[in-house]
Amino acid sequence: MLPTLDDVLQLDAVRRGQPRVVAGADRTGNLVRWVHVAEVTDIAHLLHGGELVLTTGIALPDEPDRLRAYIADLAEVGVSGLMIELGRRYASSPPAALVAAAEDLGLPVVVLAHEPAFVDITESVHARIVQEQFAELRASEQLHEIFTQLSVEGASTDEVVRQVAAIGGHPVVLENLSHRVLAADADGRDPAELLSAWETRSRAVRPRTRTGYDTASGWLVTTVGARGEDWGRLIIVLGSPPSPRETVLIERAATTLALGRLLDRHAESVERQAHGTIIARILAHAYSDPQEAAARARALGVPLSGRRLLGAVLRNRGSAHAGRGSAPPVGELSALAETAAAACKDARLPALVGVLDEGGPQARVGVLASLPARADAETALTDVATRIRKQSGGDTVMAAGSVVETIRDVRRSFLEAEQVADVAARGSGGRLFYRLPDLRLRGLLHLLRDDARVQTFVERELGPLLEYDAQRGSDLTRILELYLESGRNKAVAAQQAHLSRPAFYERLRRIERVLDADLDDVESCVSFHVALLALSSVRWERS
C-alpha cells in the first residue's frame, strides 16, 4: 500500500525540517504516489494526482487571487499535499489567502521551519514507495500461490470463502445472482448480524465495474463467473476503501471459485453445497447458537425460526441395495438433490436440500422442510414426493421423520427419517414416501436389530437352514422367504422363483426336513417370517 502523508511526515528527512500542518489537517491520510519539486505555478497540467509537491515558494505570486488559483489547480488535479520550505520566501508562515484556500478545498499544506534537503525527502519517500510496491508484489505472489493450491486441491466453496476471511481479516459472503447467500464467514463476528436482511442490503449495492467498492455500505464486491456466464458475487465487508492487496485478494478468490465450478461439472451446484453444509452442521450440533443456523438459512431464503421443521432423506433404491459398504455415485445423488430442490420450489415449500456425507457409504439427499404453523405435513410431503416420483421414476425412496418445533430437535427428525429409509429401501413397496408408522413390524425389527435377543431368535429359528445353504450353496432360505411373502400361495411363489411347481414343492419338503417343522402350521410360519424380517435387518447392518 502506498504511504500516506502522515507516513511521510514521520520520515527522518522530513522530521529534521520540523514539519507543521497549517491546512487540511483532516486529509493527511491522503496516499502519496510520488514526490515532485516545483517552483513554478503552472505545474498542475503536468501532474496526474497523488503527488506531494515540494516548493520554497520563491516563484509563487503575491496576489491573493493568483494564490487561490494556484491552490485550486493543485486540488483539482488531486495532489496529496503541498510542502513549503520557510525562510527563502516566507519567514514564518505562508500567505493567509493560500492557507484559507487550501483549507476550503481540503488540500493539506505542510510548512518546514528549518531548511530541508529536498533531495533527501524525495529519496526517502521514493524508497518507501518502492518498498511498499515490492511488498504488494510479494503479497500478490503469495495470494497467487495460495489460491492456485486451493484450485489444485479442489477446495470447496466454503474453504475458499474461509481462506479469504482468514487472509483479509474481514467478513466474507458469497451470494448467487438472486442475492441468496451460498457461503459466508463472519471472521469471528456475529453471523446473524452479518446476514441480517441480507437480500435487501445486497440489492442496494451495485458497483459500476466488475470489481468495485461501495462507499455507503463499505463493501468490496466482485462478480464471480467465467466464459461469459456470471453466477454470483463475492463480497468482503471492509468498512473503508480497499487496499490494492485486498482488491487482488477478492479477484483471485473469485477466479478460484469460477474455475472450481468449471472443473467440477458433475458435482452438485454451489447452492446445493450451501444447503447441504447447513444441514450437516445442524445435525452435528456445530452451531454454538441455533440462531446462527437460522440466519444462514434465512439468507438462502429458507426461514427456520418460528416454523415447524421436518427432516427427510432420499435415496435411489438401486443404490440402497448395493449395501452400506459402497458409496452411491456422486452424480446420481447430485441429480436427485436438484430434482428434490425443484420439487420443493414448485410446491412452494421452503426447504434446505443437499447431499449429506457425499462420497461415503451412507451418502443420501437430505431435506430440511420449513412448514408454516398451520400447514399439514402429510399434504406437503405428498405434493413434493409426487413431483419427485414424476421426475425420477419409481426407484427413489423418500422417508420423513417427525415434525419438530426447534432447530435443536432437527437431528431427532433426521435420525428417524434415516432409520425409516434404511428399512424402506430394502422393501418393494410403492409408497410415495415412508414414515415410521408405515413400516409396522419391519420397522420395529429394524430398530431392534442390534439386540442380542433378536439375533438369538433368528439363529434359533433359521440357523439350521442358513447352515444348510452355506454348506451346499443352495437357496432354500430365499425359497422360504418367497413362500411366506406370497401368503403361502405355492403357485405364486413358484412363479416368482422361476421354478416348476413340482420342483418348488420338493424344495419346501426339504425345508421342512431341515427345520423339522410343518409349513402348513400357521404359528410356525409366522415365527419363520418374523425371523426372516429380522435377518434382513441384521444383514443390512453388517453389509
Protein backbone atom coordinates (compact mmCIF):
# COMPACT_ATOMS: atom_id res chain seq x y z
CA MET A 1 0.00 0.00 0.00
CA LEU A 2 1.29 3.49 -0.83
CA PRO A 3 2.47 5.66 2.11
CA THR A 4 0.14 8.37 3.37
CA LEU A 5 1.08 11.96 4.03
CA ASP A 6 1.11 11.06 7.73
CA ASP A 7 3.70 8.36 6.95
CA VAL A 8 5.82 10.90 5.04
CA LEU A 9 5.74 13.32 7.98
CA GLN A 10 7.32 10.60 10.16
CA LEU A 11 10.35 10.13 7.90
CA ASP A 12 13.64 11.38 9.37
CA ALA A 13 14.38 13.51 6.31
CA VAL A 14 11.11 15.37 6.87
CA ARG A 15 11.23 15.47 10.68
CA ARG A 16 14.56 17.31 10.51
CA GLY A 17 12.69 20.19 8.89
CA GLN A 18 10.23 20.36 11.83
CA PRO A 19 7.06 19.98 9.75
CA ARG A 20 3.80 21.65 10.75
CA VAL A 21 0.42 21.16 9.09
CA VAL A 22 -1.24 24.55 8.54
CA ALA A 23 -4.18 23.50 6.34
CA GLY A 24 -6.12 20.33 5.52
CA ALA A 25 -5.15 18.55 8.73
CA ASP A 26 -8.06 16.17 8.28
CA ARG A 27 -6.70 15.00 4.91
CA THR A 28 -3.24 13.82 5.96
CA GLY A 29 -4.35 10.27 5.24
CA ASN A 30 -4.02 11.03 1.51
CA LEU A 31 -1.86 8.49 -0.31
CA VAL A 32 1.44 9.74 -1.73
CA ARG A 33 2.16 8.23 -5.13
CA TRP A 34 5.19 10.36 -5.97
CA VAL A 35 7.18 13.45 -4.89
CA HIS A 36 7.58 16.39 -7.27
CA VAL A 37 9.71 19.50 -6.71
CA ALA A 38 8.23 22.54 -8.49
CA GLU A 39 8.71 26.28 -8.06
CA VAL A 40 6.52 27.45 -10.92
CA THR A 41 2.77 27.90 -10.52
CA ASP A 42 1.62 26.42 -13.84
CA ILE A 43 2.56 22.88 -12.86
CA ALA A 44 -0.87 21.28 -12.46
CA HIS A 45 -1.18 20.18 -16.09
CA LEU A 46 1.96 18.06 -15.69
CA LEU A 47 0.65 16.17 -12.67
CA HIS A 48 -1.54 13.04 -12.55
CA GLY A 49 -2.76 13.07 -8.95
CA GLY A 50 -1.31 11.62 -5.77
CA GLU A 51 1.87 13.71 -5.89
CA LEU A 52 3.37 15.53 -2.93
CA VAL A 53 4.54 18.89 -4.28
CA LEU A 54 7.66 20.42 -2.67
CA THR A 55 8.41 24.14 -3.09
CA THR A 56 10.34 27.01 -1.47
CA GLY A 57 7.60 29.38 -2.61
CA ILE A 58 10.18 31.59 -4.29
CA ALA A 59 8.16 31.87 -7.51
CA LEU A 60 4.69 32.00 -6.02
CA PRO A 61 2.69 35.16 -6.78
CA ASP A 62 1.86 37.87 -4.27
CA GLU A 63 -1.74 38.44 -5.37
CA PRO A 64 -4.33 36.55 -3.25
CA ASP A 65 -6.42 35.69 -6.33
CA ARG A 66 -3.48 34.07 -8.08
CA LEU A 67 -2.53 32.16 -4.93
CA ARG A 68 -6.09 30.84 -4.65
CA ALA A 69 -6.00 29.86 -8.32
CA TYR A 70 -2.70 28.00 -7.73
CA ILE A 71 -4.19 26.03 -4.85
CA ALA A 72 -7.38 25.33 -6.82
CA ASP A 73 -5.37 23.89 -9.72
CA LEU A 74 -3.46 21.55 -7.39
CA ALA A 75 -6.63 20.44 -5.60
CA GLU A 76 -8.41 19.79 -8.89
CA VAL A 77 -5.68 17.52 -10.21
CA GLY A 78 -5.72 15.58 -6.92
CA VAL A 79 -2.28 16.14 -5.42
CA SER A 80 -1.87 14.58 -1.98
CA GLY A 81 -0.35 17.70 -0.42
CA LEU A 82 1.81 20.81 -0.71
CA MET A 83 5.01 21.12 1.35
CA ILE A 84 6.56 24.61 1.63
CA GLU A 85 10.04 25.42 2.95
CA LEU A 86 10.07 28.55 5.15
CA GLY A 87 12.91 31.05 5.10
CA ARG A 88 13.52 31.80 1.43
CA ARG A 89 10.18 33.46 0.58
CA TYR A 90 8.04 33.20 3.67
CA ALA A 91 9.61 33.83 7.06
CA SER A 92 7.17 32.17 9.46
CA SER A 93 4.06 31.15 7.50
CA PRO A 94 2.57 31.15 4.00
CA PRO A 95 0.15 33.91 3.00
CA ALA A 96 -3.27 33.76 4.65
CA ALA A 97 -5.01 33.60 1.24
CA LEU A 98 -3.08 30.43 0.35
CA VAL A 99 -3.82 28.76 3.69
CA ALA A 100 -7.51 29.69 3.58
CA ALA A 101 -7.91 28.42 0.02
CA ALA A 102 -6.20 25.14 0.91
CA GLU A 103 -8.43 24.69 3.96
CA ASP A 104 -11.55 25.37 1.92
CA LEU A 105 -10.55 22.88 -0.79
CA GLY A 106 -9.25 20.19 1.58
CA LEU A 107 -5.65 20.34 0.34
CA PRO A 108 -3.09 19.59 3.08
CA VAL A 109 -0.35 22.24 3.37
CA VAL A 110 2.77 21.48 5.40
CA VAL A 111 5.45 24.03 6.27
CA LEU A 112 9.05 23.16 7.16
CA ALA A 113 10.56 25.54 9.73
CA HIS A 114 14.15 24.51 9.01
CA GLU A 115 15.76 24.30 5.61
CA PRO A 116 15.47 20.71 4.43
CA ALA A 117 17.31 18.90 1.67
CA PHE A 118 14.56 18.28 -0.86
CA VAL A 119 16.67 15.57 -2.42
CA ASP A 120 16.75 13.68 0.90
CA ILE A 121 12.98 13.95 1.22
CA THR A 122 12.50 12.80 -2.36
CA GLU A 123 14.84 9.83 -1.93
CA SER A 124 13.25 8.79 1.37
CA VAL A 125 9.70 8.94 0.07
CA HIS A 126 10.53 7.21 -3.19
CA ALA A 127 12.40 4.45 -1.33
CA ARG A 128 9.34 3.96 0.87
CA ILE A 129 7.09 3.81 -2.20
CA VAL A 130 9.32 1.22 -3.87
CA GLN A 131 9.36 -0.86 -0.68
CA GLU A 132 5.58 -0.76 -0.49
CA GLN A 133 5.25 -1.70 -4.16
CA PHE A 134 7.63 -4.62 -3.68
CA ALA A 135 5.66 -5.73 -0.62
CA GLU A 136 2.44 -5.57 -2.66
CA LEU A 137 4.07 -7.58 -5.42
CA ARG A 138 5.22 -10.19 -2.93
CA ALA A 139 1.78 -10.30 -1.31
CA SER A 140 0.20 -10.73 -4.74
CA GLU A 141 2.56 -13.62 -5.45
CA GLN A 142 1.66 -15.26 -2.13
CA LEU A 143 -2.05 -14.91 -2.87
CA HIS A 144 -1.48 -16.47 -6.27
CA GLU A 145 0.29 -19.44 -4.66
CA ILE A 146 -2.43 -19.90 -2.02
CA PHE A 147 -5.35 -19.85 -4.43
CA THR A 148 -3.55 -21.91 -7.04
CA GLN A 149 -3.07 -24.59 -4.39
CA LEU A 150 -6.75 -24.38 -3.46
CA SER A 151 -7.68 -24.85 -7.12
CA VAL A 152 -5.36 -27.84 -7.49
CA GLU A 153 -6.77 -29.45 -4.33
CA GLY A 154 -10.34 -28.90 -5.49
CA ALA A 155 -11.20 -26.84 -2.42
CA SER A 156 -14.88 -26.44 -1.64
CA THR A 157 -16.70 -23.12 -1.80
CA ASP A 158 -16.72 -22.90 2.00
CA GLU A 159 -12.96 -23.49 2.14
CA VAL A 160 -12.26 -20.71 -0.35
CA VAL A 161 -14.51 -18.24 1.48
CA ARG A 162 -12.96 -19.22 4.80
CA GLN A 163 -9.48 -18.61 3.39
CA VAL A 164 -10.44 -15.15 2.10
CA ALA A 165 -11.76 -14.17 5.54
CA ALA A 166 -8.63 -15.51 7.25
CA ILE A 167 -6.28 -13.63 4.93
CA GLY A 168 -8.24 -10.39 4.79
CA GLY A 169 -9.40 -10.27 8.39
CA HIS A 170 -12.92 -9.21 7.38
CA PRO A 171 -16.30 -10.94 6.95
CA VAL A 172 -16.80 -12.53 3.54
CA VAL A 173 -20.01 -13.54 1.76
CA LEU A 174 -20.60 -15.42 -1.50
CA GLU A 175 -24.07 -14.92 -2.98
CA ASN A 176 -25.87 -16.04 -6.12
CA LEU A 177 -27.50 -13.73 -8.66
CA SER A 178 -30.70 -13.75 -6.60
CA HIS A 179 -28.72 -12.41 -3.62
CA ARG A 180 -29.11 -15.66 -1.69
CA VAL A 181 -26.07 -16.45 0.47
CA LEU A 182 -24.17 -19.52 -0.75
CA ALA A 183 -21.32 -19.32 1.76
CA ALA A 184 -20.26 -16.92 4.49
CA ASP A 185 -17.53 -16.47 7.08
CA ALA A 186 -18.12 -13.80 9.70
CA ASP A 187 -14.44 -13.78 10.76
CA GLY A 188 -15.29 -14.04 14.44
CA ARG A 189 -18.17 -11.59 14.32
CA ASP A 190 -21.86 -12.34 14.84
CA PRO A 191 -23.08 -14.29 11.77
CA ALA A 192 -26.70 -13.35 12.48
CA GLU A 193 -25.82 -9.66 12.38
CA LEU A 194 -23.75 -10.10 9.22
CA LEU A 195 -26.56 -11.86 7.35
CA SER A 196 -29.50 -9.89 8.75
CA ALA A 197 -31.80 -8.68 5.92
CA TRP A 198 -29.05 -9.71 3.53
CA GLU A 199 -31.04 -9.72 0.31
CA THR A 200 -32.38 -6.21 0.89
CA ARG A 201 -28.97 -4.81 1.77
CA SER A 202 -27.23 -6.58 -1.09
CA ARG A 203 -29.67 -5.38 -3.75
CA ALA A 204 -28.81 -1.80 -2.80
CA VAL A 205 -25.12 -2.33 -3.64
CA ARG A 206 -24.48 -2.11 -7.40
CA PRO A 207 -20.89 -1.20 -8.32
CA ARG A 208 -20.45 0.07 -11.86
CA THR A 209 -17.41 -2.09 -12.54
CA ARG A 210 -16.82 -5.84 -12.26
CA THR A 211 -14.84 -5.21 -9.08
CA GLY A 212 -15.82 -2.13 -7.13
CA TYR A 213 -16.07 -0.56 -3.70
CA ASP A 214 -19.38 0.77 -2.41
CA THR A 215 -18.79 3.70 -0.09
CA ALA A 216 -22.22 3.64 1.53
CA SER A 217 -22.01 0.00 2.66
CA GLY A 218 -18.25 -0.35 2.94
CA TRP A 219 -18.39 -3.45 0.73
CA LEU A 220 -15.78 -4.54 -1.77
CA VAL A 221 -17.67 -6.51 -4.43
CA THR A 222 -16.57 -8.59 -7.40
CA THR A 223 -18.57 -10.64 -9.88
CA VAL A 224 -17.95 -14.41 -9.99
CA GLY A 225 -18.21 -16.33 -13.25
CA ALA A 226 -16.35 -17.41 -16.36
CA ARG A 227 -16.85 -17.82 -20.10
CA GLY A 228 -19.47 -15.12 -20.15
CA GLU A 229 -21.62 -16.89 -17.56
CA ASP A 230 -21.72 -14.99 -14.27
CA TRP A 231 -23.38 -16.80 -11.38
CA GLY A 232 -22.69 -14.81 -8.23
CA ARG A 233 -20.86 -12.09 -6.33
CA LEU A 234 -18.09 -12.29 -3.73
CA ILE A 235 -18.20 -9.61 -1.06
CA ILE A 236 -15.70 -8.51 1.59
CA VAL A 237 -17.23 -6.28 4.26
CA LEU A 238 -14.41 -3.78 4.76
CA GLY A 239 -15.88 -0.55 6.10
CA SER A 240 -13.12 1.51 4.46
CA PRO A 241 -11.69 1.80 0.92
CA PRO A 242 -9.74 -1.31 -0.11
CA SER A 243 -6.01 -1.58 -0.41
CA PRO A 244 -4.52 -2.93 -3.64
CA ARG A 245 -3.83 -6.20 -1.80
CA GLU A 246 -7.49 -6.56 -0.83
CA THR A 247 -8.54 -5.96 -4.41
CA VAL A 248 -6.12 -8.65 -5.61
CA LEU A 249 -7.39 -10.96 -2.85
CA ILE A 250 -11.05 -10.75 -3.84
CA GLU A 251 -10.36 -11.05 -7.57
CA ARG A 252 -8.05 -14.04 -7.12
CA ALA A 253 -10.61 -15.75 -4.89
CA ALA A 254 -13.37 -15.10 -7.44
CA THR A 255 -11.22 -16.70 -10.13
CA THR A 256 -10.67 -19.77 -7.95
CA LEU A 257 -14.41 -20.11 -7.31
CA ALA A 258 -15.23 -19.76 -11.01
CA LEU A 259 -12.53 -22.24 -12.01
CA GLY A 260 -13.72 -24.74 -9.41
CA ARG A 261 -17.22 -24.62 -10.81
CA LEU A 262 -15.97 -25.14 -14.37
CA LEU A 263 -13.80 -28.12 -13.42
CA ASP A 264 -16.39 -29.82 -11.23
CA ARG A 265 -19.13 -30.14 -13.82
CA HIS A 266 -20.58 -33.31 -12.32
CA ALA A 267 -20.78 -32.07 -8.77
CA GLU A 268 -23.84 -30.52 -7.23
CA SER A 269 -24.46 -26.81 -7.64
CA VAL A 270 -22.95 -24.28 -5.27
CA GLU A 271 -26.41 -23.66 -3.84
CA ARG A 272 -26.90 -27.36 -3.09
CA GLN A 273 -23.49 -27.40 -1.39
CA ALA A 274 -24.51 -24.43 0.75
CA HIS A 275 -27.78 -26.13 1.72
CA GLY A 276 -26.01 -29.42 2.50
CA THR A 277 -23.42 -27.68 4.66
CA ILE A 278 -26.06 -26.03 6.83
CA ILE A 279 -27.99 -29.30 7.27
CA ALA A 280 -24.81 -31.22 8.11
CA ARG A 281 -23.72 -28.63 10.68
CA ILE A 282 -27.17 -28.64 12.29
CA LEU A 283 -27.07 -32.45 12.56
CA ALA A 284 -23.57 -32.31 14.06
CA HIS A 285 -24.57 -29.54 16.51
CA ALA A 286 -21.71 -27.49 15.03
CA TYR A 287 -23.51 -24.17 15.53
CA SER A 288 -22.96 -22.87 19.06
CA ASP A 289 -26.17 -20.87 18.72
CA PRO A 290 -29.17 -22.15 16.73
CA GLN A 291 -29.79 -18.57 15.65
CA GLU A 292 -26.63 -18.72 13.54
CA ALA A 293 -28.10 -21.65 11.63
CA ALA A 294 -31.37 -19.74 11.29
CA ALA A 295 -29.56 -16.66 9.98
CA ARG A 296 -27.60 -18.65 7.40
CA ALA A 297 -30.72 -20.49 6.23
CA ARG A 298 -32.71 -17.26 6.08
CA ALA A 299 -30.01 -15.72 3.89
CA LEU A 300 -30.65 -18.62 1.50
CA GLY A 301 -34.36 -17.89 1.51
CA VAL A 302 -35.38 -20.62 3.96
CA PRO A 303 -36.88 -19.42 7.27
CA LEU A 304 -36.32 -21.76 10.23
CA SER A 305 -37.34 -19.61 13.20
CA GLY A 306 -40.96 -19.82 14.28
CA ARG A 307 -41.66 -22.66 11.84
CA ARG A 308 -42.47 -26.35 12.10
CA LEU A 309 -39.47 -28.32 10.84
CA LEU A 310 -39.31 -31.76 9.26
CA GLY A 311 -36.31 -33.83 8.21
CA ALA A 312 -36.46 -36.16 5.22
CA VAL A 313 -33.94 -38.25 3.29
CA LEU A 314 -33.97 -39.58 -0.25
CA ARG A 315 -32.10 -42.48 -1.81
CA ASN A 316 -32.28 -44.33 -5.05
CA ARG A 317 -33.47 -47.85 -4.31
CA GLY A 318 -30.78 -49.34 -6.56
CA SER A 319 -28.04 -47.63 -4.58
CA ALA A 320 -29.60 -48.75 -1.35
CA HIS A 321 -29.44 -52.39 -2.44
CA ALA A 322 -25.73 -52.01 -3.01
CA GLY A 323 -25.34 -52.05 0.76
CA ARG A 324 -23.53 -49.81 3.17
CA GLY A 325 -20.07 -50.80 2.09
CA SER A 326 -20.13 -48.89 -1.17
CA ALA A 327 -20.90 -45.26 -1.87
CA PRO A 328 -23.71 -44.24 -4.23
CA PRO A 329 -22.47 -42.48 -7.39
CA VAL A 330 -21.93 -38.76 -6.72
CA GLY A 331 -23.61 -37.70 -9.94
CA GLU A 332 -26.66 -39.81 -9.12
CA LEU A 333 -27.19 -38.16 -5.75
CA SER A 334 -26.46 -34.67 -7.11
CA ALA A 335 -29.13 -35.14 -9.76
CA LEU A 336 -31.57 -36.42 -7.14
CA ALA A 337 -30.83 -33.39 -4.94
CA GLU A 338 -31.54 -31.00 -7.81
CA THR A 339 -34.78 -32.85 -8.55
CA ALA A 340 -35.84 -32.64 -4.90
CA ALA A 341 -34.97 -28.94 -4.72
CA ALA A 342 -37.01 -28.22 -7.84
CA ALA A 343 -39.93 -30.21 -6.42
CA CYS A 344 -39.87 -28.21 -3.18
CA LYS A 345 -39.72 -24.96 -5.12
CA ASP A 346 -42.63 -25.94 -7.38
CA ALA A 347 -44.64 -26.99 -4.33
CA ARG A 348 -43.79 -23.65 -2.67
CA LEU A 349 -42.28 -25.45 0.29
CA PRO A 350 -39.23 -23.61 1.71
CA ALA A 351 -36.54 -26.23 2.27
CA LEU A 352 -32.81 -26.79 2.54
CA VAL A 353 -31.84 -29.58 0.12
CA GLY A 354 -28.35 -31.04 -0.26
CA VAL A 355 -26.24 -34.18 -0.39
CA LEU A 356 -25.10 -35.40 3.03
CA ASP A 357 -21.91 -37.43 3.62
CA GLU A 358 -21.07 -37.13 -0.08
CA GLY A 359 -18.70 -39.85 -1.25
CA GLY A 360 -19.38 -42.05 1.78
CA PRO A 361 -21.34 -45.30 2.03
CA GLN A 362 -24.16 -43.52 3.86
CA ALA A 363 -24.45 -40.67 1.37
CA ARG A 364 -28.02 -39.54 0.82
CA VAL A 365 -30.02 -36.44 -0.05
CA GLY A 366 -31.20 -34.50 2.99
CA VAL A 367 -34.26 -32.25 3.00
CA LEU A 368 -35.00 -29.89 5.89
CA ALA A 369 -38.52 -28.63 5.19
CA SER A 370 -39.84 -25.46 6.81
CA LEU A 371 -43.60 -25.69 7.34
CA PRO A 372 -45.92 -22.79 8.23
CA ALA A 373 -47.70 -23.15 11.55
CA ARG A 374 -50.96 -24.38 10.03
CA ALA A 375 -49.57 -26.43 7.15
CA ASP A 376 -50.34 -30.14 7.02
CA ALA A 377 -47.14 -32.18 6.83
CA GLU A 378 -48.76 -35.11 5.01
CA THR A 379 -50.15 -32.84 2.30
CA ALA A 380 -46.83 -31.08 1.81
CA LEU A 381 -44.90 -34.37 1.66
CA THR A 382 -47.37 -35.87 -0.78
CA ASP A 383 -47.07 -32.85 -3.09
CA VAL A 384 -43.26 -32.91 -3.07
CA ALA A 385 -42.97 -36.71 -3.31
CA THR A 386 -45.38 -36.81 -6.26
CA ARG A 387 -43.26 -34.29 -8.15
CA ILE A 388 -40.06 -36.21 -7.35
CA ARG A 389 -41.60 -39.52 -8.45
CA LYS A 390 -42.72 -37.93 -11.72
CA GLN A 391 -39.17 -36.77 -12.49
CA SER A 392 -37.07 -39.64 -11.13
CA GLY A 393 -39.33 -42.66 -11.57
CA GLY A 394 -40.16 -45.32 -9.02
CA ASP A 395 -36.63 -46.11 -7.83
CA THR A 396 -36.50 -43.20 -5.39
CA VAL A 397 -37.17 -43.86 -1.72
CA MET A 398 -38.27 -40.88 0.35
CA ALA A 399 -38.51 -41.18 4.13
CA ALA A 400 -39.62 -38.49 6.56
CA GLY A 401 -39.20 -38.03 10.29
CA SER A 402 -41.49 -36.41 12.83
CA VAL A 403 -42.34 -32.72 12.77
CA VAL A 404 -40.33 -30.75 15.37
CA GLU A 405 -40.62 -27.21 16.67
CA THR A 406 -36.99 -26.10 17.13
CA ILE A 407 -33.69 -26.28 15.30
CA ARG A 408 -32.18 -28.24 18.19
CA ASP A 409 -34.70 -31.05 17.56
CA VAL A 410 -34.00 -31.32 13.82
CA ARG A 411 -31.38 -34.01 14.44
CA ARG A 412 -34.04 -36.25 16.02
CA SER A 413 -36.29 -35.86 12.99
CA PHE A 414 -33.45 -36.74 10.61
CA LEU A 415 -32.36 -39.78 12.63
CA GLU A 416 -35.90 -41.10 12.47
CA ALA A 417 -36.06 -40.45 8.72
CA GLU A 418 -32.78 -42.29 8.15
CA GLN A 419 -33.95 -45.32 10.11
CA VAL A 420 -37.13 -45.39 8.07
CA ALA A 421 -35.16 -45.05 4.83
CA ASP A 422 -32.91 -47.97 5.79
CA VAL A 423 -35.92 -50.26 6.03
CA ALA A 424 -37.96 -48.83 3.17
CA ALA A 425 -35.04 -49.02 0.73
CA ARG A 426 -34.96 -52.81 1.12
CA GLY A 427 -38.68 -53.28 0.65
CA SER A 428 -40.64 -53.46 -2.54
CA GLY A 429 -43.45 -51.09 -1.58
CA GLY A 430 -44.55 -48.37 -3.93
CA ARG A 431 -45.44 -45.62 -1.46
CA LEU A 432 -44.65 -42.01 -2.40
CA PHE A 433 -42.90 -41.60 0.95
CA TYR A 434 -42.49 -43.51 4.19
CA ARG A 435 -42.82 -42.59 7.83
CA LEU A 436 -42.22 -44.74 10.89
CA PRO A 437 -45.84 -45.95 11.25
CA ASP A 438 -45.76 -47.20 7.64
CA LEU A 439 -43.07 -49.80 8.42
CA ARG A 440 -45.01 -51.68 11.08
CA LEU A 441 -43.28 -54.95 12.09
CA ARG A 442 -40.38 -54.50 9.67
CA GLY A 443 -39.64 -51.10 11.20
CA LEU A 444 -39.75 -52.43 14.75
CA LEU A 445 -37.36 -55.26 13.92
CA HIS A 446 -35.01 -52.85 12.21
CA LEU A 447 -34.86 -50.70 15.35
CA LEU A 448 -34.15 -53.83 17.44
CA ARG A 449 -31.62 -55.34 15.03
CA ASP A 450 -28.68 -54.87 17.42
CA ASP A 451 -30.45 -56.57 20.31
CA ALA A 452 -28.75 -59.89 21.12
CA ARG A 453 -32.13 -61.46 21.92
CA VAL A 454 -33.37 -60.74 18.39
CA GLN A 455 -30.21 -62.20 16.89
CA THR A 456 -30.56 -65.29 19.10
CA PHE A 457 -34.15 -65.71 17.93
CA VAL A 458 -33.04 -65.58 14.29
CA GLU A 459 -30.39 -68.24 14.84
CA ARG A 460 -32.78 -70.48 16.75
CA GLU A 461 -35.46 -70.32 14.06
CA LEU A 462 -33.34 -70.26 10.89
CA GLY A 463 -29.88 -71.43 11.94
CA PRO A 464 -30.13 -74.99 10.50
CA LEU A 465 -31.45 -73.69 7.18
CA LEU A 466 -28.76 -71.00 6.91
CA GLU A 467 -26.08 -73.58 7.66
CA TYR A 468 -27.55 -75.98 5.08
CA ASP A 469 -27.44 -73.27 2.37
CA ALA A 470 -23.91 -72.27 3.32
CA GLN A 471 -22.59 -75.83 3.07
CA ARG A 472 -24.36 -76.79 -0.15
CA GLY A 473 -24.65 -73.49 -1.97
CA SER A 474 -28.44 -73.85 -2.12
CA ASP A 475 -31.08 -71.12 -1.83
CA LEU A 476 -33.65 -72.68 0.48
CA THR A 477 -33.75 -69.57 2.71
CA ARG A 478 -34.79 -67.48 -0.28
CA ILE A 479 -37.42 -70.10 -1.25
CA LEU A 480 -38.88 -69.94 2.25
CA GLU A 481 -38.98 -66.14 2.07
CA LEU A 482 -40.83 -66.18 -1.27
CA TYR A 483 -43.31 -68.72 0.06
CA LEU A 484 -44.14 -66.66 3.15
CA GLU A 485 -44.23 -63.29 1.32
CA SER A 486 -46.73 -64.71 -1.16
CA GLY A 487 -49.12 -65.54 1.67
CA ARG A 488 -48.18 -69.27 1.44
CA ASN A 489 -49.53 -69.40 -2.11
CA LYS A 490 -47.34 -72.11 -3.61
CA ALA A 491 -48.28 -71.40 -7.22
CA VAL A 492 -47.43 -67.70 -6.96
CA ALA A 493 -44.21 -68.40 -5.05
CA ALA A 494 -43.10 -70.99 -7.63
CA GLN A 495 -43.64 -68.46 -10.40
CA GLN A 496 -41.61 -65.81 -8.56
CA ALA A 497 -38.82 -68.36 -8.02
CA HIS A 498 -38.89 -69.28 -11.73
CA LEU A 499 -39.39 -72.94 -10.83
CA SER A 500 -41.91 -75.54 -11.85
CA ARG A 501 -44.46 -76.42 -9.22
CA PRO A 502 -43.08 -79.93 -8.63
CA ALA A 503 -39.56 -78.54 -8.18
CA PHE A 504 -40.83 -75.85 -5.83
CA TYR A 505 -42.86 -78.36 -3.78
CA GLU A 506 -39.79 -80.58 -3.44
CA ARG A 507 -37.79 -77.64 -2.03
CA LEU A 508 -40.50 -76.89 0.51
CA ARG A 509 -40.40 -80.50 1.71
CA ARG A 510 -36.62 -80.24 2.04
CA ILE A 511 -37.03 -77.06 4.12
CA GLU A 512 -39.44 -78.87 6.43
CA ARG A 513 -36.90 -81.66 6.95
CA VAL A 514 -34.03 -79.26 7.66
CA LEU A 515 -36.07 -77.13 10.09
CA ASP A 516 -38.04 -80.05 11.48
CA ALA A 517 -41.21 -78.02 11.05
CA ASP A 518 -44.57 -78.16 9.32
CA LEU A 519 -45.02 -75.30 6.83
CA ASP A 520 -48.77 -75.79 6.98
CA ASP A 521 -48.69 -74.74 10.62
CA VAL A 522 -49.66 -71.05 10.88
CA GLU A 523 -47.74 -70.34 14.09
CA SER A 524 -44.53 -71.87 12.69
CA CYS A 525 -44.84 -69.81 9.52
CA VAL A 526 -45.41 -66.58 11.50
CA SER A 527 -42.30 -67.32 13.56
CA PHE A 528 -40.21 -68.03 10.45
CA HIS A 529 -41.49 -64.86 8.74
CA VAL A 530 -40.55 -62.69 11.72
CA ALA A 531 -37.12 -64.31 11.83
CA LEU A 532 -36.59 -63.65 8.11
CA LEU A 533 -37.52 -59.97 8.54
CA ALA A 534 -35.12 -59.68 11.48
CA LEU A 535 -32.40 -61.46 9.49
CA SER A 536 -32.80 -58.94 6.70
CA SER A 537 -32.21 -56.06 9.12
CA VAL A 538 -29.20 -57.73 10.73
CA ARG A 539 -27.62 -58.45 7.34
CA TRP A 540 -28.21 -54.84 6.22
CA GLU A 541 -26.40 -53.56 9.29
CA ARG A 542 -23.39 -55.80 8.60
CA SER A 543 -23.19 -55.13 4.85
